Amino acid sequence: MEYRRLGKAGLQVSALSLGSWLTFGKQIGDDVAEQLMITAYENGVNFFDNAEIYARGQSEIVMGNILKKLNWDRSSYIVSSKVFFGDGGQKPTQRGLSRKHIVEGCHAALKRLQVEYLDLFFCHRPDKNAPIEETVWTMNDLIRQGKIFYWGTSEWSAQEIMEAHMVAEKLNLIGPTMEQPQYNMFHRDKVEVEYNQIYKTVGLGTTIWSPLASGVLTDKYLNEFPEGTRLSIKGLEWLKERSLSEERLGIVRKLDALAKDLGTSMAKLAIAWCVANPNVSTVILGASKVHHLEETLTALDVLPSLTPEVMEKIEGILNNKPAHPQF
């Protein structure tokens, strides 16, 4: 396993990590979740990602029970939560980035995960109803209290991230360390262009999600639609419709052929492509089956094959390289 600094922070995070969205407490049994965590940990993964909204809090309960049972040294792993959407409550005080919800969300996550502190705590979305000063102050307070170690954002714009940093600098507070954006071969602009300057100015770390574009960047959808996948989950019809266009599948077929030429799989090629971006701190893997995770955890083996020539071939197939603004 390769380890990278989380942006400019001193924290070392495994280049591949394990997430629980759509799986823990929902798509898979708790026994499978446990085996996934054991497999990841034994292969060098030290970061496990979660959120209050995942399975309406049940994802964190499942992960917390597993962490308690396995009794790994707490200093050997990193666990996260995210606050914004709540865990199912519909009242206006049960979501967002007010001081009230951030503090209550943190306490609830600590209880569900059965840990004394969160290593990473993300603002899951920006909140137009909460002053950024209130959010920054609250995260700073949680750090000072030892309840969280680093705070960050998820799916914030570069402007919103920089606004948080400006407030933090003005008030002598701690700004966000990391952002969790979607990043894969089909979704590139934010990570490759929008954040390009702030990697340098504030040392932004990234914990990217959906490296396989919800499984589209594998060979599983190239022939017929399989059952039991995340795109077949009730309520995710929008994701299926957006993800499985004929145009995308045509691109994946070409990428799959290239992967075979390189002696690897489409999934491992897609993950290695994400890792090859030096501004990616860690790639969050999702899995519902242990053998799938065992395969993707070996994706780093593909990195030496991603020569400039191969990367150029991939660009030719994707034909979606983001344009950088001309200054």
C-alpha atoms as a PDB file:
ATOM      1  CA  MET A   1       0.000   0.000   0.000  1.00  0.00           C
ATOM      2  CA  GLU A   2       1.124   3.536  -0.748  1.00  0.00           C
ATOM      3  CA  TYR A   3       0.507   6.308   1.796  1.00  0.00           C
ATOM      4  CA  ARG A   4       0.058   9.986   0.993  1.00  0.00           C
ATOM      5  CA  ARG A   5      -0.221  13.164   3.007  1.00  0.00           C
ATOM      6  CA  LEU A   6      -3.734  14.540   3.259  1.00  0.00           C
ATOM      7  CA  GLY A   7      -2.954  17.750   1.410  1.00  0.00           C
ATOM      8  CA  LYS A   8      -0.555  19.841   3.478  1.00  0.00           C
ATOM      9  CA  ALA A   9      -1.566  18.083   6.715  1.00  0.00           C
ATOM     10  CA  GLY A  10       0.840  15.700   8.397  1.00  0.00           C
ATOM     11  CA  LEU A  11      -1.724  12.879   8.351  1.00  0.00           C
ATOM     12  CA  GLN A  12      -0.699   9.853   6.253  1.00  0.00           C
ATOM     13  CA  VAL A  13      -3.660   8.248   4.503  1.00  0.00           C
ATOM     14  CA  SER A  14      -3.631   5.070   2.421  1.00  0.00           C
ATOM     15  CA  ALA A  15      -3.917   5.756  -1.317  1.00  0.00           C
ATOM     16  CA  LEU A  16      -6.874   3.345  -1.347  1.00  0.00           C
ATOM     17  CA  SER A  17      -9.570   3.512   1.331  1.00  0.00           C
ATOM     18  CA  LEU A  18     -12.946   1.884   2.046  1.00  0.00           C
ATOM     19  CA  GLY A  19     -16.314   3.638   1.991  1.00  0.00           C
ATOM     20  CA  SER A  20     -19.709   2.473   3.220  1.00  0.00           C
ATOM     21  CA  TRP A  21     -22.185   4.442   1.077  1.00  0.00           C
ATOM     22  CA  LEU A  22     -25.076   2.262  -0.218  1.00  0.00           C
ATOM     23  CA  THR A  23     -23.518  -0.902   1.237  1.00  0.00           C
ATOM     24  CA  PHE A  24     -23.145  -0.970   5.033  1.00  0.00           C
ATOM     25  CA  GLY A  25     -26.518  -1.252   6.755  1.00  0.00           C
ATOM     26  CA  LYS A  26     -28.338  -1.442   3.426  1.00  0.00           C
ATOM     27  CA  GLN A  27     -27.097  -3.513   0.483  1.00  0.00           C
ATOM     28  CA  ILE A  28     -24.959  -6.049   2.382  1.00  0.00           C
ATOM     29  CA  GLY A  29     -25.151  -8.026   5.603  1.00  0.00           C
ATOM     30  CA  ASP A  30     -23.124  -7.073   8.640  1.00  0.00           C
ATOM     31  CA  ASP A  31     -20.963 -10.189   8.284  1.00  0.00           C
ATOM     32  CA  VAL A  32     -19.963  -9.156   4.754  1.00  0.00           C
ATOM     33  CA  ALA A  33     -19.249  -5.614   5.973  1.00  0.00           C
ATOM     34  CA  GLU A  34     -16.936  -7.061   8.613  1.00  0.00           C
ATOM     35  CA  GLN A  35     -15.064  -9.178   6.077  1.00  0.00           C
ATOM     36  CA  LEU A  36     -14.679  -6.143   3.804  1.00  0.00           C
ATOM     37  CA  MET A  37     -13.146  -4.110   6.627  1.00  0.00           C
ATOM     38  CA  ILE A  38     -10.808  -6.934   7.624  1.00  0.00           C
ATOM     39  CA  THR A  39      -9.717  -7.436   4.011  1.00  0.00           C
ATOM     40  CA  ALA A  40      -9.077  -3.716   3.572  1.00  0.00           C
ATOM     41  CA  TYR A  41      -7.181  -3.338   6.871  1.00  0.00           C
ATOM     42  CA  GLU A  42      -5.006  -6.400   6.255  1.00  0.00           C
ATOM     43  CA  ASN A  43      -4.076  -4.950   2.852  1.00  0.00           C
ATOM     44  CA  GLY A  44      -2.874  -1.664   4.333  1.00  0.00           C
ATOM     45  CA  VAL A  45      -6.043   0.466   4.159  1.00  0.00           C
ATOM     46  CA  ASN A  46      -6.111   2.857   7.119  1.00  0.00           C
ATOM     47  CA  PHE A  47      -9.101   5.094   6.220  1.00  0.00           C
ATOM     48  CA  PHE A  48     -12.758   4.093   6.575  1.00  0.00           C
ATOM     49  CA  ASP A  49     -15.306   6.635   5.319  1.00  0.00           C
ATOM     50  CA  ASN A  50     -18.841   7.128   6.615  1.00  0.00           C
ATOM     51  CA  ALA A  51     -21.601   9.746   7.038  1.00  0.00           C
ATOM     52  CA  GLU A  52     -24.658  10.413   9.191  1.00  0.00           C
ATOM     53  CA  ILE A  53     -26.985  10.080   6.187  1.00  0.00           C
ATOM     54  CA  TYR A  54     -25.683   6.691   4.999  1.00  0.00           C
ATOM     55  CA  ALA A  55     -28.526   4.228   5.615  1.00  0.00           C
ATOM     56  CA  ARG A  56     -29.994   6.879   7.957  1.00  0.00           C
ATOM     57  CA  GLY A  57     -27.262   6.298  10.534  1.00  0.00           C
ATOM     58  CA  GLN A  58     -27.292   2.513  10.301  1.00  0.00           C
ATOM     59  CA  SER A  59     -24.066   2.488   8.271  1.00  0.00           C
ATOM     60  CA  GLU A  60     -22.203   4.097  11.171  1.00  0.00           C
ATOM     61  CA  ILE A  61     -23.811   1.713  13.667  1.00  0.00           C
ATOM     62  CA  VAL A  62     -22.637  -1.292  11.625  1.00  0.00           C
ATOM     63  CA  MET A  63     -19.120   0.103  11.255  1.00  0.00           C
ATOM     64  CA  GLY A  64     -18.985   1.008  14.940  1.00  0.00           C
ATOM     65  CA  ASN A  65     -19.960  -2.501  16.004  1.00  0.00           C
ATOM     66  CA  ILE A  66     -17.276  -3.950  13.731  1.00  0.00           C
ATOM     67  CA  LEU A  67     -14.583  -1.590  15.025  1.00  0.00           C
ATOM     68  CA  LYS A  68     -15.502  -2.478  18.604  1.00  0.00           C
ATOM     69  CA  LYS A  69     -15.446  -6.222  17.871  1.00  0.00           C
ATOM     70  CA  LEU A  70     -12.143  -6.194  15.971  1.00  0.00           C
ATOM     71  CA  ASN A  71     -10.526  -3.950  18.597  1.00  0.00           C
ATOM     72  CA  TRP A  72      -7.829  -2.628  16.296  1.00  0.00           C
ATOM     73  CA  ASP A  73      -5.397  -0.173  17.857  1.00  0.00           C
ATOM     74  CA  ARG A  74      -7.237   3.166  17.546  1.00  0.00           C
ATOM     75  CA  SER A  75      -4.018   4.874  16.473  1.00  0.00           C
ATOM     76  CA  SER A  76      -3.754   2.562  13.432  1.00  0.00           C
ATOM     77  CA  TYR A  77      -6.826   3.700  11.480  1.00  0.00           C
ATOM     78  CA  ILE A  78      -8.702   6.812  10.387  1.00  0.00           C
ATOM     79  CA  VAL A  79     -12.498   7.029  10.525  1.00  0.00           C
ATOM     80  CA  SER A  80     -14.707   9.816   9.207  1.00  0.00           C
ATOM     81  CA  SER A  81     -18.240  11.082   9.343  1.00  0.00           C
ATOM     82  CA  LYS A  82     -20.078  13.809   7.460  1.00  0.00           C
ATOM     83  CA  VAL A  83     -22.674  16.275   8.666  1.00  0.00           C
ATOM     84  CA  PHE A  84     -25.433  18.074   6.756  1.00  0.00           C
ATOM     85  CA  PHE A  85     -28.261  15.739   5.696  1.00  0.00           C
ATOM     86  CA  GLY A  86     -28.992  14.359   9.172  1.00  0.00           C
ATOM     87  CA  ASP A  87     -29.882  10.743   9.920  1.00  0.00           C
ATOM     88  CA  GLY A  88     -33.512  10.860   8.865  1.00  0.00           C
ATOM     89  CA  GLY A  89     -35.078  13.637  10.938  1.00  0.00           C
ATOM     90  CA  GLN A  90     -37.157  16.121   8.961  1.00  0.00           C
ATOM     91  CA  LYS A  91     -37.188  19.104  11.331  1.00  0.00           C
ATOM     92  CA  PRO A  92     -35.259  22.213  10.198  1.00  0.00           C
ATOM     93  CA  THR A  93     -32.827  21.878  13.121  1.00  0.00           C
ATOM     94  CA  GLN A  94     -31.979  18.281  12.178  1.00  0.00           C
ATOM     95  CA  ARG A  95     -29.927  19.091   9.098  1.00  0.00           C
ATOM     96  CA  GLY A  96     -27.608  21.748   7.715  1.00  0.00           C
ATOM     97  CA  LEU A  97     -24.456  23.388   9.057  1.00  0.00           C
ATOM     98  CA  SER A  98     -25.758  25.390  11.997  1.00  0.00           C
ATOM     99  CA  ARG A  99     -23.717  25.177  15.202  1.00  0.00           C
ATOM    100  CA  LYS A 100     -26.555  23.148  16.722  1.00  0.00           C
ATOM    101  CA  HIS A 101     -26.655  20.479  14.018  1.00  0.00           C
ATOM    102  CA  ILE A 102     -22.878  20.232  13.566  1.00  0.00           C
ATOM    103  CA  VAL A 103     -22.318  19.663  17.307  1.00  0.00           C
ATOM    104  CA  GLU A 104     -25.269  17.292  17.677  1.00  0.00           C
ATOM    105  CA  GLY A 105     -24.278  15.484  14.471  1.00  0.00           C
ATOM    106  CA  CYS A 106     -20.737  15.017  15.747  1.00  0.00           C
ATOM    107  CA  HIS A 107     -21.951  13.630  19.096  1.00  0.00           C
ATOM    108  CA  ALA A 108     -24.374  11.265  17.333  1.00  0.00           C
ATOM    109  CA  ALA A 109     -21.641   9.987  14.993  1.00  0.00           C
ATOM    110  CA  LEU A 110     -19.275   9.393  17.927  1.00  0.00           C
ATOM    111  CA  LYS A 111     -21.988   7.360  19.645  1.00  0.00           C
ATOM    112  CA  ARG A 112     -22.873   5.317  16.557  1.00  0.00           C
ATOM    113  CA  LEU A 113     -19.241   4.635  15.647  1.00  0.00           C
ATOM    114  CA  GLN A 114     -18.349   3.961  19.304  1.00  0.00           C
ATOM    115  CA  VAL A 115     -15.184   6.062  19.151  1.00  0.00           C
ATOM    116  CA  GLU A 116     -13.931   8.925  21.321  1.00  0.00           C
ATOM    117  CA  TYR A 117     -13.022  11.146  18.361  1.00  0.00           C
ATOM    118  CA  LEU A 118     -13.438  11.426  14.593  1.00  0.00           C
ATOM    119  CA  ASP A 119     -10.231  11.709  12.605  1.00  0.00           C
ATOM    120  CA  LEU A 120     -12.016  13.479   9.736  1.00  0.00           C
ATOM    121  CA  PHE A 121     -15.320  15.363   9.853  1.00  0.00           C
ATOM    122  CA  PHE A 122     -16.788  16.676   6.600  1.00  0.00           C
ATOM    123  CA  CYS A 123     -19.434  19.285   5.833  1.00  0.00           C
ATOM    124  CA  HIS A 124     -21.338  17.039   3.434  1.00  0.00           C
ATOM    125  CA  ARG A 125     -22.683  19.944   1.350  1.00  0.00           C
ATOM    126  CA  PRO A 126     -22.501  23.751   1.591  1.00  0.00           C
ATOM    127  CA  ASP A 127     -25.337  25.366   3.544  1.00  0.00           C
ATOM    128  CA  LYS A 128     -26.649  28.657   2.173  1.00  0.00           C
ATOM    129  CA  ASN A 129     -28.660  29.186   5.343  1.00  0.00           C
ATOM    130  CA  ALA A 130     -25.708  29.048   7.734  1.00  0.00           C
ATOM    131  CA  PRO A 131     -23.088  31.826   7.910  1.00  0.00           C
ATOM    132  CA  ILE A 132     -19.686  30.435   6.981  1.00  0.00           C
ATOM    133  CA  GLU A 133     -18.275  32.053  10.156  1.00  0.00           C
ATOM    134  CA  GLU A 134     -20.618  29.902  12.248  1.00  0.00           C
ATOM    135  CA  THR A 135     -19.540  26.709  10.486  1.00  0.00           C
ATOM    136  CA  VAL A 136     -15.806  27.485  10.736  1.00  0.00           C
ATOM    137  CA  TRP A 137     -16.080  28.508  14.408  1.00  0.00           C
ATOM    138  CA  THR A 138     -17.979  25.319  15.264  1.00  0.00           C
ATOM    139  CA  MET A 139     -15.517  23.020  13.501  1.00  0.00           C
ATOM    140  CA  ASN A 140     -12.648  24.867  15.182  1.00  0.00           C
ATOM    141  CA  ASP A 141     -14.313  24.359  18.580  1.00  0.00           C
ATOM    142  CA  LEU A 142     -14.725  20.617  17.952  1.00  0.00           C
ATOM    143  CA  ILE A 143     -11.027  20.383  17.084  1.00  0.00           C
ATOM    144  CA  ARG A 144     -10.059  22.294  20.235  1.00  0.00           C
ATOM    145  CA  GLN A 145     -12.259  19.949  22.281  1.00  0.00           C
ATOM    146  CA  GLY A 146     -10.510  16.888  20.794  1.00  0.00           C
ATOM    147  CA  LYS A 147     -13.737  15.528  19.273  1.00  0.00           C
ATOM    148  CA  ILE A 148     -12.424  15.802  15.711  1.00  0.00           C
ATOM    149  CA  PHE A 149      -8.871  16.104  14.376  1.00  0.00           C
ATOM    150  CA  TYR A 150      -9.406  17.555  10.878  1.00  0.00           C
ATOM    151  CA  TRP A 151     -12.436  19.072   9.210  1.00  0.00           C
ATOM    152  CA  GLY A 152     -13.225  19.315   5.550  1.00  0.00           C
ATOM    153  CA  THR A 153     -15.887  19.713   2.903  1.00  0.00           C
ATOM    154  CA  SER A 154     -17.666  17.536   0.357  1.00  0.00           C
ATOM    155  CA  GLU A 155     -18.885  18.788  -2.998  1.00  0.00           C
ATOM    156  CA  TRP A 156     -18.093  22.420  -2.199  1.00  0.00           C
ATOM    157  CA  SER A 157     -16.988  24.810  -4.908  1.00  0.00           C
ATOM    158  CA  ALA A 158     -13.469  26.228  -4.900  1.00  0.00           C
ATOM    159  CA  GLN A 159     -14.962  29.634  -4.063  1.00  0.00           C
ATOM    160  CA  GLU A 160     -16.795  28.235  -1.014  1.00  0.00           C
ATOM    161  CA  ILE A 161     -13.664  26.436   0.206  1.00  0.00           C
ATOM    162  CA  MET A 162     -11.591  29.595  -0.149  1.00  0.00           C
ATOM    163  CA  GLU A 163     -14.254  31.628   1.654  1.00  0.00           C
ATOM    164  CA  ALA A 164     -13.927  29.231   4.605  1.00  0.00           C
ATOM    165  CA  HIS A 165     -10.151  29.666   4.541  1.00  0.00           C
ATOM    166  CA  MET A 166     -10.437  33.454   4.406  1.00  0.00           C
ATOM    167  CA  VAL A 167     -12.736  33.457   7.436  1.00  0.00           C
ATOM    168  CA  ALA A 168     -10.407  31.065   9.274  1.00  0.00           C
ATOM    169  CA  GLU A 169      -7.378  33.226   8.560  1.00  0.00           C
ATOM    170  CA  LYS A 170      -9.170  36.427   9.563  1.00  0.00           C
ATOM    171  CA  LEU A 171     -10.364  34.950  12.873  1.00  0.00           C
ATOM    172  CA  ASN A 172      -7.208  32.886  13.528  1.00  0.00           C
ATOM    173  CA  LEU A 173      -9.159  29.613  13.289  1.00  0.00           C
ATOM    174  CA  ILE A 174      -8.449  26.276  11.609  1.00  0.00           C
ATOM    175  CA  GLY A 175      -9.695  26.045   8.016  1.00  0.00           C
ATOM    176  CA  PRO A 176     -10.756  22.946   6.084  1.00  0.00           C
ATOM    177  CA  THR A 177      -8.003  20.414   5.367  1.00  0.00           C
ATOM    178  CA  MET A 178      -9.689  18.233   2.756  1.00  0.00           C
ATOM    179  CA  GLU A 179     -12.507  18.026   0.223  1.00  0.00           C
ATOM    180  CA  GLN A 180     -14.411  14.910  -0.837  1.00  0.00           C
ATOM    181  CA  PRO A 181     -15.437  15.335  -4.489  1.00  0.00           C
ATOM    182  CA  GLN A 182     -16.624  12.837  -7.043  1.00  0.00           C
ATOM    183  CA  TYR A 183     -13.794  11.978  -9.433  1.00  0.00           C
ATOM    184  CA  ASN A 184     -13.540   9.420 -12.210  1.00  0.00           C
ATOM    185  CA  MET A 185     -12.877   9.184 -15.937  1.00  0.00           C
ATOM    186  CA  PHE A 186     -16.306  10.674 -16.668  1.00  0.00           C
ATOM    187  CA  HIS A 187     -16.321  13.339 -13.934  1.00  0.00           C
ATOM    188  CA  ARG A 188     -13.170  15.436 -14.069  1.00  0.00           C
ATOM    189  CA  ASP A 189     -13.662  19.208 -14.131  1.00  0.00           C
ATOM    190  CA  LYS A 190     -13.850  19.984 -10.420  1.00  0.00           C
ATOM    191  CA  VAL A 191     -10.750  17.987  -9.384  1.00  0.00           C
ATOM    192  CA  GLU A 192      -8.635  18.771 -12.436  1.00  0.00           C
ATOM    193  CA  VAL A 193      -9.580  22.403 -13.146  1.00  0.00           C
ATOM    194  CA  GLU A 194     -11.712  24.109 -10.493  1.00  0.00           C
ATOM    195  CA  TYR A 195      -9.472  23.127  -7.571  1.00  0.00           C
ATOM    196  CA  ASN A 196      -6.233  23.468  -9.520  1.00  0.00           C
ATOM    197  CA  GLN A 197      -5.057  26.647  -7.790  1.00  0.00           C
ATOM    198  CA  ILE A 198      -6.135  25.800  -4.258  1.00  0.00           C
ATOM    199  CA  TYR A 199      -4.001  22.658  -4.126  1.00  0.00           C
ATOM    200  CA  LYS A 200      -1.114  25.116  -4.136  1.00  0.00           C
ATOM    201  CA  THR A 201      -2.539  28.022  -2.149  1.00  0.00           C
ATOM    202  CA  VAL A 202      -4.071  26.126   0.818  1.00  0.00           C
ATOM    203  CA  GLY A 203      -2.676  22.620   0.319  1.00  0.00           C
ATOM    204  CA  LEU A 204      -6.080  20.996  -0.206  1.00  0.00           C
ATOM    205  CA  GLY A 205      -6.264  17.229   0.311  1.00  0.00           C
ATOM    206  CA  THR A 206      -8.849  15.110  -1.549  1.00  0.00           C
ATOM    207  CA  THR A 207     -10.646  11.908  -0.575  1.00  0.00           C
ATOM    208  CA  ILE A 208     -12.312  11.163  -3.889  1.00  0.00           C
ATOM    209  CA  TRP A 209     -15.452   9.042  -4.280  1.00  0.00           C
ATOM    210  CA  SER A 210     -17.036   7.030  -7.120  1.00  0.00           C
ATOM    211  CA  PRO A 211     -13.786   6.128  -8.971  1.00  0.00           C
ATOM    212  CA  LEU A 212     -15.753   3.486 -10.899  1.00  0.00           C
ATOM    213  CA  ALA A 213     -18.692   5.807 -11.688  1.00  0.00           C
ATOM    214  CA  SER A 214     -21.114   3.599  -9.704  1.00  0.00           C
ATOM    215  CA  GLY A 215     -19.718   0.468 -11.343  1.00  0.00           C
ATOM    216  CA  VAL A 216     -20.021   1.676 -14.938  1.00  0.00           C
ATOM    217  CA  LEU A 217     -16.219   1.720 -15.273  1.00  0.00           C
ATOM    218  CA  THR A 218     -16.101  -2.066 -14.917  1.00  0.00           C
ATOM    219  CA  ASP A 219     -17.052  -4.852 -17.293  1.00  0.00           C
ATOM    220  CA  LYS A 220     -20.246  -5.788 -15.397  1.00  0.00           C
ATOM    221  CA  TYR A 221     -22.634  -3.726 -17.561  1.00  0.00           C
ATOM    222  CA  LEU A 222     -21.094  -4.415 -20.965  1.00  0.00           C
ATOM    223  CA  ASN A 223     -23.353  -7.354 -21.868  1.00  0.00           C
ATOM    224  CA  GLU A 224     -26.582  -7.486 -19.879  1.00  0.00           C
ATOM    225  CA  PHE A 225     -27.804  -5.695 -16.775  1.00  0.00           C
ATOM    226  CA  PRO A 226     -26.902  -7.792 -13.709  1.00  0.00           C
ATOM    227  CA  GLU A 227     -29.066  -8.026 -10.610  1.00  0.00           C
ATOM    228  CA  GLY A 228     -27.830  -7.176  -7.120  1.00  0.00           C
ATOM    229  CA  THR A 229     -25.748  -4.158  -8.143  1.00  0.00           C
ATOM    230  CA  ARG A 230     -26.052  -0.654  -6.712  1.00  0.00           C
ATOM    231  CA  LEU A 231     -27.682   0.559  -9.927  1.00  0.00           C
ATOM    232  CA  SER A 232     -30.494  -1.924  -9.297  1.00  0.00           C
ATOM    233  CA  ILE A 233     -31.218  -0.562  -5.800  1.00  0.00           C
ATOM    234  CA  LYS A 234     -34.738   0.824  -5.466  1.00  0.00           C
ATOM    235  CA  GLY A 235     -34.623   4.603  -5.301  1.00  0.00           C
ATOM    236  CA  LEU A 236     -31.495   4.898  -7.447  1.00  0.00           C
ATOM    237  CA  GLU A 237     -33.254   4.837 -10.814  1.00  0.00           C
ATOM    238  CA  TRP A 238     -31.917   8.354 -11.452  1.00  0.00           C
ATOM    239  CA  LEU A 239     -28.365   7.064 -11.026  1.00  0.00           C
ATOM    240  CA  LYS A 240     -28.965   4.169 -13.413  1.00  0.00           C
ATOM    241  CA  GLU A 241     -30.469   6.449 -16.060  1.00  0.00           C
ATOM    242  CA  ARG A 242     -27.609   8.941 -15.782  1.00  0.00           C
ATOM    243  CA  SER A 243     -24.859   6.350 -15.719  1.00  0.00           C
ATOM    244  CA  LEU A 244     -25.765   3.753 -18.323  1.00  0.00           C
ATOM    245  CA  SER A 245     -26.016   5.708 -21.572  1.00  0.00           C
ATOM    246  CA  GLU A 246     -25.036   3.934 -24.781  1.00  0.00           C
ATOM    247  CA  GLU A 247     -22.339   6.554 -25.352  1.00  0.00           C
ATOM    248  CA  ARG A 248     -20.720   5.768 -22.011  1.00  0.00           C
ATOM    249  CA  LEU A 249     -20.917   2.023 -22.521  1.00  0.00           C
ATOM    250  CA  GLY A 250     -19.234   2.431 -25.907  1.00  0.00           C
ATOM    251  CA  ILE A 251     -16.357   4.281 -24.242  1.00  0.00           C
ATOM    252  CA  VAL A 252     -16.102   1.621 -21.540  1.00  0.00           C
ATOM    253  CA  ARG A 253     -15.865  -1.126 -24.174  1.00  0.00           C
ATOM    254  CA  LYS A 254     -12.836   0.611 -25.695  1.00  0.00           C
ATOM    255  CA  LEU A 255     -11.268   1.151 -22.274  1.00  0.00           C
ATOM    256  CA  ASP A 256     -11.931  -2.489 -21.391  1.00  0.00           C
ATOM    257  CA  ALA A 257     -10.072  -3.596 -24.512  1.00  0.00           C
ATOM    258  CA  LEU A 258      -7.138  -1.356 -23.542  1.00  0.00           C
ATOM    259  CA  ALA A 259      -7.152  -2.805 -20.016  1.00  0.00           C
ATOM    260  CA  LYS A 260      -6.989  -6.319 -21.431  1.00  0.00           C
ATOM    261  CA  ASP A 261      -4.040  -5.283 -23.629  1.00  0.00           C
ATOM    262  CA  LEU A 262      -2.301  -4.114 -20.434  1.00  0.00           C
ATOM    263  CA  GLY A 263      -3.059  -7.421 -18.734  1.00  0.00           C
ATOM    264  CA  THR A 264      -5.434  -5.937 -16.183  1.00  0.00           C
ATOM    265  CA  SER A 265      -9.149  -5.308 -15.592  1.00  0.00           C
ATOM    266  CA  MET A 266     -11.270  -2.283 -16.439  1.00  0.00           C
ATOM    267  CA  ALA A 267     -11.929  -1.640 -12.740  1.00  0.00           C
ATOM    268  CA  LYS A 268      -8.255  -1.672 -11.780  1.00  0.00           C
ATOM    269  CA  LEU A 269      -7.375   0.584 -14.725  1.00  0.00           C
ATOM    270  CA  ALA A 270     -10.038   3.142 -13.715  1.00  0.00           C
ATOM    271  CA  ILE A 271      -8.875   3.219 -10.085  1.00  0.00           C
ATOM    272  CA  ALA A 272      -5.175   3.426 -11.002  1.00  0.00           C
ATOM    273  CA  TRP A 273      -6.018   6.318 -13.342  1.00  0.00           C
ATOM    274  CA  CYS A 274      -7.477   8.221 -10.373  1.00  0.00           C
ATOM    275  CA  VAL A 275      -4.504   7.416  -8.140  1.00  0.00           C
ATOM    276  CA  ALA A 276      -2.139   8.649 -10.862  1.00  0.00           C
ATOM    277  CA  ASN A 277      -3.409  12.196 -10.234  1.00  0.00           C
ATOM    278  CA  PRO A 278      -0.930  13.623  -7.671  1.00  0.00           C
ATOM    279  CA  ASN A 279      -3.661  15.849  -6.206  1.00  0.00           C
ATOM    280  CA  VAL A 280      -5.669  12.790  -5.130  1.00  0.00           C
ATOM    281  CA  SER A 281      -4.845  11.901  -1.511  1.00  0.00           C
ATOM    282  CA  THR A 282      -6.952   8.740  -1.386  1.00  0.00           C
ATOM    283  CA  VAL A 283      -9.424   6.886  -3.599  1.00  0.00           C
ATOM    284  CA  ILE A 284     -12.459   5.598  -1.681  1.00  0.00           C
ATOM    285  CA  LEU A 285     -13.405   2.107  -2.812  1.00  0.00           C
ATOM    286  CA  GLY A 286     -16.886   0.677  -2.410  1.00  0.00           C
ATOM    287  CA  ALA A 287     -17.675  -3.019  -2.581  1.00  0.00           C
ATOM    288  CA  SER A 288     -20.532  -5.402  -1.856  1.00  0.00           C
ATOM    289  CA  LYS A 289     -18.461  -8.561  -2.331  1.00  0.00           C
ATOM    290  CA  VAL A 290     -15.109  -9.438  -0.777  1.00  0.00           C
ATOM    291  CA  HIS A 291     -13.602 -10.771  -4.020  1.00  0.00           C
ATOM    292  CA  HIS A 292     -14.386  -7.463  -5.755  1.00  0.00           C
ATOM    293  CA  LEU A 293     -12.525  -5.561  -3.040  1.00  0.00           C
ATOM    294  CA  GLU A 294      -9.614  -8.003  -3.193  1.00  0.00           C
ATOM    295  CA  GLU A 295      -9.322  -7.199  -6.906  1.00  0.00           C
ATOM    296  CA  THR A 296      -9.529  -3.414  -6.623  1.00  0.00           C
ATOM    297  CA  LEU A 297      -7.059  -3.326  -3.717  1.00  0.00           C
ATOM    298  CA  THR A 298      -4.409  -4.477  -6.206  1.00  0.00           C
ATOM    299  CA  ALA A 299      -5.073  -1.519  -8.530  1.00  0.00           C
ATOM    300  CA  LEU A 300      -1.805   0.156  -7.514  1.00  0.00           C
ATOM    301  CA  ASP A 301      -0.018  -2.619  -9.401  1.00  0.00           C
ATOM    302  CA  VAL A 302      -1.290  -1.013 -12.617  1.00  0.00           C
ATOM    303  CA  LEU A 303       0.420   2.343 -12.001  1.00  0.00           C
ATOM    304  CA  PRO A 304       3.729   1.402 -13.702  1.00  0.00           C
ATOM    305  CA  SER A 305       1.733   0.557 -16.851  1.00  0.00           C
ATOM    306  CA  LEU A 306       0.258   4.047 -17.057  1.00  0.00           C
ATOM    307  CA  THR A 307       3.026   5.440 -19.215  1.00  0.00           C
ATOM    308  CA  PRO A 308       2.592   8.767 -21.018  1.00  0.00           C
ATOM    309  CA  GLU A 309       1.696   6.792 -24.144  1.00  0.00           C
ATOM    310  CA  VAL A 310      -1.011   4.804 -22.359  1.00  0.00           C
ATOM    311  CA  MET A 311      -2.402   7.934 -20.705  1.00  0.00           C
ATOM    312  CA  GLU A 312      -2.583   9.541 -24.142  1.00  0.00           C
ATOM    313  CA  LYS A 313      -4.537   6.540 -25.455  1.00  0.00           C
ATOM    314  CA  ILE A 314      -6.960   6.861 -22.544  1.00  0.00           C
ATOM    315  CA  GLU A 315      -7.431  10.571 -23.295  1.00  0.00           C
ATOM    316  CA  GLY A 316      -8.139   9.686 -26.921  1.00  0.00           C
ATOM    317  CA  ILE A 317     -10.852   7.234 -25.887  1.00  0.00           C
ATOM    318  CA  LEU A 318     -12.440   9.498 -23.273  1.00  0.00           C
ATOM    319  CA  ASN A 319     -12.261  12.649 -25.400  1.00  0.00           C
ATOM    320  CA  ASN A 320     -13.308  14.744 -22.405  1.00  0.00           C
ATOM    321  CA  LYS A 321     -10.131  16.396 -21.145  1.00  0.00           C
ATOM    322  CA  PRO A 322     -11.203  19.515 -19.219  1.00  0.00           C
ATOM    323  CA  ALA A 323     -10.092  22.835 -20.663  1.00  0.00           C
ATOM    324  CA  HIS A 324      -7.998  24.957 -18.319  1.00  0.00           C
ATOM    325  CA  PRO A 325      -8.764  28.683 -18.334  1.00  0.00           C
ATOM    326  CA  GLN A 326      -6.301  30.881 -20.160  1.00  0.00           C
ATOM    327  CA  PHE A 327      -4.844  33.687 -18.031  1.00  0.00           C
END
